[in-house]
Amino acid sequence: VRGGDNVYALSCNHVWGRLNAAQPGESIL
């Protein structure tokens, strides 16, 4: 997805977000 000049992607909280525990800047593999 895109927001302004940035490129992003979407997935689930329980996939990338560690069920609410993730903090901004944590790496995705």
PDB file of all heavy atoms in Angstrom:
ATOM      1  N   VAL A   1       0.847  -1.193   0.000  1.00  0.00           N
ATOM      2  CA  VAL A   1       0.000   0.000   0.000  1.00  0.00           C
ATOM      3  C   VAL A   1       0.885   1.248   0.000  1.00  0.00           C
ATOM      4  O   VAL A   1       2.086   1.175   0.238  1.00  0.00           O
ATOM      5  CB  VAL A   1      -0.942   0.023   1.229  1.00  0.00           C
ATOM      6  CG1 VAL A   1      -1.950  -1.114   1.162  1.00  0.00           C
ATOM      7  CG2 VAL A   1      -0.146  -0.067   2.534  1.00  0.00           C
ATOM      8  N   ARG A   2       0.256   2.386  -0.244  1.00  0.00           N
ATOM      9  CA  ARG A   2       0.987   3.657  -0.258  1.00  0.00           C
ATOM     10  C   ARG A   2       0.274   4.681   0.604  1.00  0.00           C
ATOM     11  O   ARG A   2      -0.960   4.728   0.673  1.00  0.00           O
ATOM     12  CB  ARG A   2       1.116   4.199  -1.680  1.00  0.00           C
ATOM     13  CG  ARG A   2       2.118   3.439  -2.536  1.00  0.00           C
ATOM     14  CD  ARG A   2       2.269   4.064  -3.919  1.00  0.00           C
ATOM     15  NE  ARG A   2       3.228   3.355  -4.742  1.00  0.00           N
ATOM     16  CZ  ARG A   2       4.531   3.634  -4.814  1.00  0.00           C
ATOM     17  NH1 ARG A   2       5.015   4.638  -4.102  1.00  0.00           N
ATOM     18  NH2 ARG A   2       5.336   2.948  -5.597  1.00  0.00           N
ATOM     19  N   GLY A   3       1.087   5.519   1.255  1.00  0.00           N
ATOM     20  CA  GLY A   3       0.580   6.640   2.028  1.00  0.00           C
ATOM     21  C   GLY A   3       1.503   7.815   1.805  1.00  0.00           C
ATOM     22  O   GLY A   3       2.644   7.804   2.271  1.00  0.00           O
ATOM     23  N   GLY A   4       1.027   8.804   1.061  1.00  0.00           N
ATOM     24  CA  GLY A   4       1.907   9.916   0.697  1.00  0.00           C
ATOM     25  C   GLY A   4       3.025   9.402  -0.189  1.00  0.00           C
ATOM     26  O   GLY A   4       2.791   8.693  -1.175  1.00  0.00           O
ATOM     27  N   ASP A   5       4.264   9.745   0.163  1.00  0.00           N
ATOM     28  CA  ASP A   5       5.423   9.295  -0.611  1.00  0.00           C
ATOM     29  C   ASP A   5       5.983   7.968  -0.115  1.00  0.00           C
ATOM     30  O   ASP A   5       6.983   7.461  -0.654  1.00  0.00           O
ATOM     31  CB  ASP A   5       6.534  10.353  -0.546  1.00  0.00           C
ATOM     32  CG  ASP A   5       6.131  11.663  -1.215  1.00  0.00           C
ATOM     33  OD1 ASP A   5       5.339  11.601  -2.179  1.00  0.00           O
ATOM     34  OD2 ASP A   5       6.595  12.728  -0.761  1.00  0.00           O
ATOM     35  N   ASN A   6       5.369   7.388   0.905  1.00  0.00           N
ATOM     36  CA  ASN A   6       5.894   6.171   1.513  1.00  0.00           C
ATOM     37  C   ASN A   6       5.225   4.910   0.974  1.00  0.00           C
ATOM     38  O   ASN A   6       4.055   4.921   0.580  1.00  0.00           O
ATOM     39  CB  ASN A   6       5.717   6.206   3.032  1.00  0.00           C
ATOM     40  CG  ASN A   6       6.564   7.292   3.681  1.00  0.00           C
ATOM     41  OD1 ASN A   6       7.690   7.550   3.261  1.00  0.00           O
ATOM     42  ND2 ASN A   6       6.016   7.927   4.704  1.00  0.00           N
ATOM     43  N   VAL A   7       6.000   3.837   0.985  1.00  0.00           N
ATOM     44  CA  VAL A   7       5.505   2.521   0.581  1.00  0.00           C
ATOM     45  C   VAL A   7       5.407   1.646   1.827  1.00  0.00           C
ATOM     46  O   VAL A   7       6.359   1.544   2.612  1.00  0.00           O
ATOM     47  CB  VAL A   7       6.447   1.867  -0.446  1.00  0.00           C
ATOM     48  CG1 VAL A   7       5.979   0.454  -0.783  1.00  0.00           C
ATOM     49  CG2 VAL A   7       6.523   2.715  -1.708  1.00  0.00           C
ATOM     50  N   TYR A   8       4.239   1.025   2.012  1.00  0.00           N
ATOM     51  CA  TYR A   8       3.994   0.184   3.177  1.00  0.00           C
ATOM     52  C   TYR A   8       3.445  -1.169   2.716  1.00  0.00           C
ATOM     53  O   TYR A   8       3.213  -1.403   1.532  1.00  0.00           O
ATOM     54  CB  TYR A   8       2.961   0.833   4.108  1.00  0.00           C
ATOM     55  CG  TYR A   8       3.300   2.198   4.621  1.00  0.00           C
ATOM     56  CD1 TYR A   8       2.792   3.349   4.014  1.00  0.00           C
ATOM     57  CD2 TYR A   8       4.103   2.357   5.752  1.00  0.00           C
ATOM     58  CE1 TYR A   8       3.084   4.611   4.496  1.00  0.00           C
ATOM     59  CE2 TYR A   8       4.396   3.624   6.255  1.00  0.00           C
ATOM     60  CZ  TYR A   8       3.885   4.750   5.618  1.00  0.00           C
ATOM     61  OH  TYR A   8       4.174   6.009   6.104  1.00  0.00           O
ATOM     62  N   ALA A   9       3.214  -2.039   3.685  1.00  0.00           N
ATOM     63  CA  ALA A   9       2.516  -3.300   3.434  1.00  0.00           C
ATOM     64  C   ALA A   9       1.671  -3.636   4.641  1.00  0.00           C
ATOM     65  O   ALA A   9       1.920  -3.136   5.755  1.00  0.00           O
ATOM     66  CB  ALA A   9       3.503  -4.425   3.131  1.00  0.00           C
ATOM     67  N   LEU A  10       0.670  -4.477   4.444  1.00  0.00           N
ATOM     68  CA  LEU A  10      -0.252  -4.859   5.506  1.00  0.00           C
ATOM     69  C   LEU A  10      -0.219  -6.356   5.754  1.00  0.00           C
ATOM     70  O   LEU A  10      -0.084  -7.153   4.824  1.00  0.00           O
ATOM     71  CB  LEU A  10      -1.685  -4.461   5.134  1.00  0.00           C
ATOM     72  CG  LEU A  10      -1.969  -2.975   4.909  1.00  0.00           C
ATOM     73  CD1 LEU A  10      -3.379  -2.795   4.338  1.00  0.00           C
ATOM     74  CD2 LEU A  10      -1.807  -2.186   6.204  1.00  0.00           C
ATOM     75  N   SER A  11      -0.337  -6.730   7.006  1.00  0.00           N
ATOM     76  CA  SER A  11      -0.581  -8.109   7.414  1.00  0.00           C
ATOM     77  C   SER A  11      -1.290  -8.044   8.761  1.00  0.00           C
ATOM     78  O   SER A  11      -1.716  -6.970   9.190  1.00  0.00           O
ATOM     79  CB  SER A  11       0.715  -8.915   7.500  1.00  0.00           C
ATOM     80  OG  SER A  11       0.426 -10.298   7.683  1.00  0.00           O
ATOM     81  N   CYS A  12      -1.403  -9.181   9.430  1.00  0.00           N
ATOM     82  CA  CYS A  12      -2.156  -9.232  10.692  1.00  0.00           C
ATOM     83  C   CYS A  12      -1.337  -8.778  11.892  1.00  0.00           C
ATOM     84  O   CYS A  12      -0.103  -8.898  11.917  1.00  0.00           O
ATOM     85  CB  CYS A  12      -2.644 -10.654  10.940  1.00  0.00           C
ATOM     86  SG  CYS A  12      -3.905 -11.202   9.784  1.00  0.00           S
ATOM     87  N   ASN A  13      -2.041  -8.308  12.908  1.00  0.00           N
ATOM     88  CA  ASN A  13      -1.430  -7.988  14.193  1.00  0.00           C
ATOM     89  C   ASN A  13      -0.743  -9.229  14.756  1.00  0.00           C
ATOM     90  O   ASN A  13       0.371  -9.169  15.258  1.00  0.00           O
ATOM     91  CB  ASN A  13      -2.523  -7.477  15.149  1.00  0.00           C
ATOM     92  CG  ASN A  13      -2.002  -7.097  16.521  1.00  0.00           C
ATOM     93  OD1 ASN A  13      -1.132  -7.744  17.085  1.00  0.00           O
ATOM     94  ND2 ASN A  13      -2.571  -6.044  17.086  1.00  0.00           N
ATOM     95  N   HIS A  14      -1.396 -10.393  14.662  1.00  0.00           N
ATOM     96  CA  HIS A  14      -0.801 -11.599  15.239  1.00  0.00           C
ATOM     97  C   HIS A  14       0.312 -12.188  14.363  1.00  0.00           C
ATOM     98  O   HIS A  14       0.975 -13.142  14.777  1.00  0.00           O
ATOM     99  CB  HIS A  14      -1.865 -12.656  15.565  1.00  0.00           C
ATOM    100  CG  HIS A  14      -2.472 -13.353  14.384  1.00  0.00           C
ATOM    101  ND1 HIS A  14      -3.596 -12.890  13.737  1.00  0.00           N
ATOM    102  CD2 HIS A  14      -2.121 -14.486  13.738  1.00  0.00           C
ATOM    103  CE1 HIS A  14      -3.910 -13.710  12.754  1.00  0.00           C
ATOM    104  NE2 HIS A  14      -3.028 -14.689  12.729  1.00  0.00           N
ATOM    105  N   VAL A  15       0.540 -11.609  13.179  1.00  0.00           N
ATOM    106  CA  VAL A  15       1.666 -12.013  12.331  1.00  0.00           C
ATOM    107  C   VAL A  15       2.860 -11.086  12.539  1.00  0.00           C
ATOM    108  O   VAL A  15       3.982 -11.547  12.765  1.00  0.00           O
ATOM    109  CB  VAL A  15       1.258 -12.025  10.843  1.00  0.00           C
ATOM    110  CG1 VAL A  15       2.474 -12.283   9.948  1.00  0.00           C
ATOM    111  CG2 VAL A  15       0.191 -13.086  10.591  1.00  0.00           C
ATOM    112  N   TRP A  16       2.621  -9.786  12.479  1.00  0.00           N
ATOM    113  CA  TRP A  16       3.704  -8.798  12.607  1.00  0.00           C
ATOM    114  C   TRP A  16       3.696  -8.080  13.954  1.00  0.00           C
ATOM    115  O   TRP A  16       4.745  -7.616  14.402  1.00  0.00           O
ATOM    116  CB  TRP A  16       3.583  -7.749  11.507  1.00  0.00           C
ATOM    117  CG  TRP A  16       4.013  -8.200  10.155  1.00  0.00           C
ATOM    118  CD1 TRP A  16       4.734  -9.316   9.843  1.00  0.00           C
ATOM    119  CD2 TRP A  16       3.748  -7.530   8.911  1.00  0.00           C
ATOM    120  NE1 TRP A  16       4.930  -9.381   8.484  1.00  0.00           N
ATOM    121  CE2 TRP A  16       4.343  -8.298   7.892  1.00  0.00           C
ATOM    122  CE3 TRP A  16       3.069  -6.351   8.565  1.00  0.00           C
ATOM    123  CZ2 TRP A  16       4.278  -7.931   6.537  1.00  0.00           C
ATOM    124  CZ3 TRP A  16       3.005  -5.990   7.228  1.00  0.00           C
ATOM    125  CH2 TRP A  16       3.602  -6.766   6.226  1.00  0.00           C
ATOM    126  N   GLY A  17       2.543  -7.942  14.570  1.00  0.00           N
ATOM    127  CA  GLY A  17       2.418  -7.082  15.742  1.00  0.00           C
ATOM    128  C   GLY A  17       2.616  -7.759  17.073  1.00  0.00           C
ATOM    129  O   GLY A  17       2.445  -7.123  18.116  1.00  0.00           O
ATOM    130  N   ARG A  18       2.950  -9.048  17.066  1.00  0.00           N
ATOM    131  CA  ARG A  18       3.177  -9.794  18.319  1.00  0.00           C
ATOM    132  C   ARG A  18       2.011  -9.630  19.296  1.00  0.00           C
ATOM    133  O   ARG A  18       2.191  -9.448  20.483  1.00  0.00           O
ATOM    134  CB  ARG A  18       4.500  -9.389  18.968  1.00  0.00           C
ATOM    135  CG  ARG A  18       5.720  -9.684  18.103  1.00  0.00           C
ATOM    136  CD  ARG A  18       7.022  -9.664  18.876  1.00  0.00           C
ATOM    137  NE  ARG A  18       7.393  -8.324  19.326  1.00  0.00           N
ATOM    138  CZ  ARG A  18       7.613  -7.999  20.602  1.00  0.00           C
ATOM    139  NH1 ARG A  18       7.515  -8.910  21.546  1.00  0.00           N
ATOM    140  NH2 ARG A  18       7.959  -6.761  20.932  1.00  0.00           N
ATOM    141  N   LEU A  19       0.802  -9.680  18.736  1.00  0.00           N
ATOM    142  CA  LEU A  19      -0.423  -9.576  19.543  1.00  0.00           C
ATOM    143  C   LEU A  19      -0.369  -8.374  20.489  1.00  0.00           C
ATOM    144  O   LEU A  19      -0.464  -8.500  21.708  1.00  0.00           O
ATOM    145  CB  LEU A  19      -0.673 -10.873  20.315  1.00  0.00           C
ATOM    146  CG  LEU A  19      -1.226 -12.031  19.476  1.00  0.00           C
ATOM    147  CD1 LEU A  19      -1.319 -13.306  20.307  1.00  0.00           C
ATOM    148  CD2 LEU A  19      -2.593 -11.686  18.900  1.00  0.00           C
ATOM    149  N   ASN A  20      -0.194  -7.205  19.889  1.00  0.00           N
ATOM    150  CA  ASN A  20      -0.197  -5.900  20.571  1.00  0.00           C
ATOM    151  C   ASN A  20       1.146  -5.528  21.192  1.00  0.00           C
ATOM    152  O   ASN A  20       1.324  -4.396  21.650  1.00  0.00           O
ATOM    153  CB  ASN A  20      -1.261  -5.802  21.673  1.00  0.00           C
ATOM    154  CG  ASN A  20      -2.672  -5.937  21.162  1.00  0.00           C
ATOM    155  OD1 ASN A  20      -2.918  -5.841  19.956  1.00  0.00           O
ATOM    156  ND2 ASN A  20      -3.614  -6.153  22.058  1.00  0.00           N
ATOM    157  N   ALA A  21       2.106  -6.451  21.256  1.00  0.00           N
ATOM    158  CA  ALA A  21       3.363  -6.181  21.970  1.00  0.00           C
ATOM    159  C   ALA A  21       4.398  -5.458  21.129  1.00  0.00           C
ATOM    160  O   ALA A  21       5.356  -4.900  21.659  1.00  0.00           O
ATOM    161  CB  ALA A  21       3.960  -7.495  22.478  1.00  0.00           C
ATOM    162  N   ALA A  22       4.251  -5.432  19.810  1.00  0.00           N
ATOM    163  CA  ALA A  22       5.270  -4.840  18.938  1.00  0.00           C
ATOM    164  C   ALA A  22       5.336  -3.324  19.098  1.00  0.00           C
ATOM    165  O   ALA A  22       4.336  -2.658  19.367  1.00  0.00           O
ATOM    166  CB  ALA A  22       4.989  -5.190  17.485  1.00  0.00           C
ATOM    167  N   GLN A  23       6.529  -2.800  18.906  1.00  0.00           N
ATOM    168  CA  GLN A  23       6.769  -1.367  18.962  1.00  0.00           C
ATOM    169  C   GLN A  23       7.166  -0.850  17.577  1.00  0.00           C
ATOM    170  O   GLN A  23       7.730  -1.597  16.773  1.00  0.00           O
ATOM    171  CB  GLN A  23       7.905  -1.057  19.954  1.00  0.00           C
ATOM    172  CG  GLN A  23       7.615  -1.504  21.374  1.00  0.00           C
ATOM    173  CD  GLN A  23       6.406  -0.792  21.957  1.00  0.00           C
ATOM    174  OE1 GLN A  23       6.284   0.425  21.850  1.00  0.00           O
ATOM    175  NE2 GLN A  23       5.518  -1.554  22.585  1.00  0.00           N
ATOM    176  N   PRO A  24       6.874   0.418  17.282  1.00  0.00           N
ATOM    177  CA  PRO A  24       7.291   0.978  15.998  1.00  0.00           C
ATOM    178  C   PRO A  24       8.788   0.807  15.777  1.00  0.00           C
ATOM    179  O   PRO A  24       9.583   0.984  16.702  1.00  0.00           O
ATOM    180  CB  PRO A  24       6.910   2.457  16.125  1.00  0.00           C
ATOM    181  CG  PRO A  24       5.794   2.474  17.116  1.00  0.00           C
ATOM    182  CD  PRO A  24       6.124   1.392  18.103  1.00  0.00           C
ATOM    183  N   GLY A  25       9.143   0.416  14.575  1.00  0.00           N
ATOM    184  CA  GLY A  25      10.550   0.239  14.240  1.00  0.00           C
ATOM    185  C   GLY A  25      11.036  -1.188  14.324  1.00  0.00           C
ATOM    186  O   GLY A  25      12.142  -1.497  13.840  1.00  0.00           O
ATOM    187  N   GLU A  26      10.245  -2.095  14.944  1.00  0.00           N
ATOM    188  CA  GLU A  26      10.665  -3.496  14.971  1.00  0.00           C
ATOM    189  C   GLU A  26      10.735  -4.055  13.556  1.00  0.00           C
ATOM    190  O   GLU A  26       9.898  -3.734  12.698  1.00  0.00           O
ATOM    191  CB  GLU A  26       9.693  -4.335  15.811  1.00  0.00           C
ATOM    192  CG  GLU A  26       9.779  -4.055  17.296  1.00  0.00           C
ATOM    193  CD  GLU A  26       8.909  -4.978  18.131  1.00  0.00           C
ATOM    194  OE1 GLU A  26       8.263  -5.885  17.556  1.00  0.00           O
ATOM    195  OE2 GLU A  26       8.874  -4.784  19.363  1.00  0.00           O
ATOM    196  N   SER A  27      11.709  -4.902  13.309  1.00  0.00           N
ATOM    197  CA  SER A  27      11.956  -5.408  11.966  1.00  0.00           C
ATOM    198  C   SER A  27      10.988  -6.531  11.582  1.00  0.00           C
ATOM    199  O   SER A  27      10.556  -7.323  12.422  1.00  0.00           O
ATOM    200  CB  SER A  27      13.390  -5.922  11.852  1.00  0.00           C
ATOM    201  OG  SER A  27      14.312  -4.862  11.969  1.00  0.00           O
ATOM    202  N   ILE A  28      10.708  -6.585  10.284  1.00  0.00           N
ATOM    203  CA  ILE A  28       9.865  -7.625   9.703  1.00  0.00           C
ATOM    204  C   ILE A  28      10.731  -8.451   8.743  1.00  0.00           C
ATOM    205  O   ILE A  28      11.535  -7.898   7.979  1.00  0.00           O
ATOM    206  CB  ILE A  28       8.678  -7.019   8.943  1.00  0.00           C
ATOM    207  CG1 ILE A  28       7.828  -6.164   9.885  1.00  0.00           C
ATOM    208  CG2 ILE A  28       7.834  -8.106   8.295  1.00  0.00           C
ATOM    209  CD1 ILE A  28       7.267  -6.910  11.069  1.00  0.00           C
ATOM    210  N   LEU A  29      10.538  -9.763   8.805  1.00  0.00           N
ATOM    211  CA  LEU A  29      11.366 -10.678   8.023  1.00  0.00           C
ATOM    212  C   LEU A  29      10.586 -11.315   6.871  1.00  0.00           C
ATOM    213  O   LEU A  29       9.378 -11.498   6.930  1.00  0.00           O
ATOM    214  CB  LEU A  29      11.885 -11.802   8.927  1.00  0.00           C
ATOM    215  CG  LEU A  29      12.689 -11.403  10.164  1.00  0.00           C
ATOM    216  CD1 LEU A  29      12.974 -12.638  11.016  1.00  0.00           C
ATOM    217  CD2 LEU A  29      13.991 -10.713   9.760  1.00  0.00           C
TER     218      LEU A  29
END
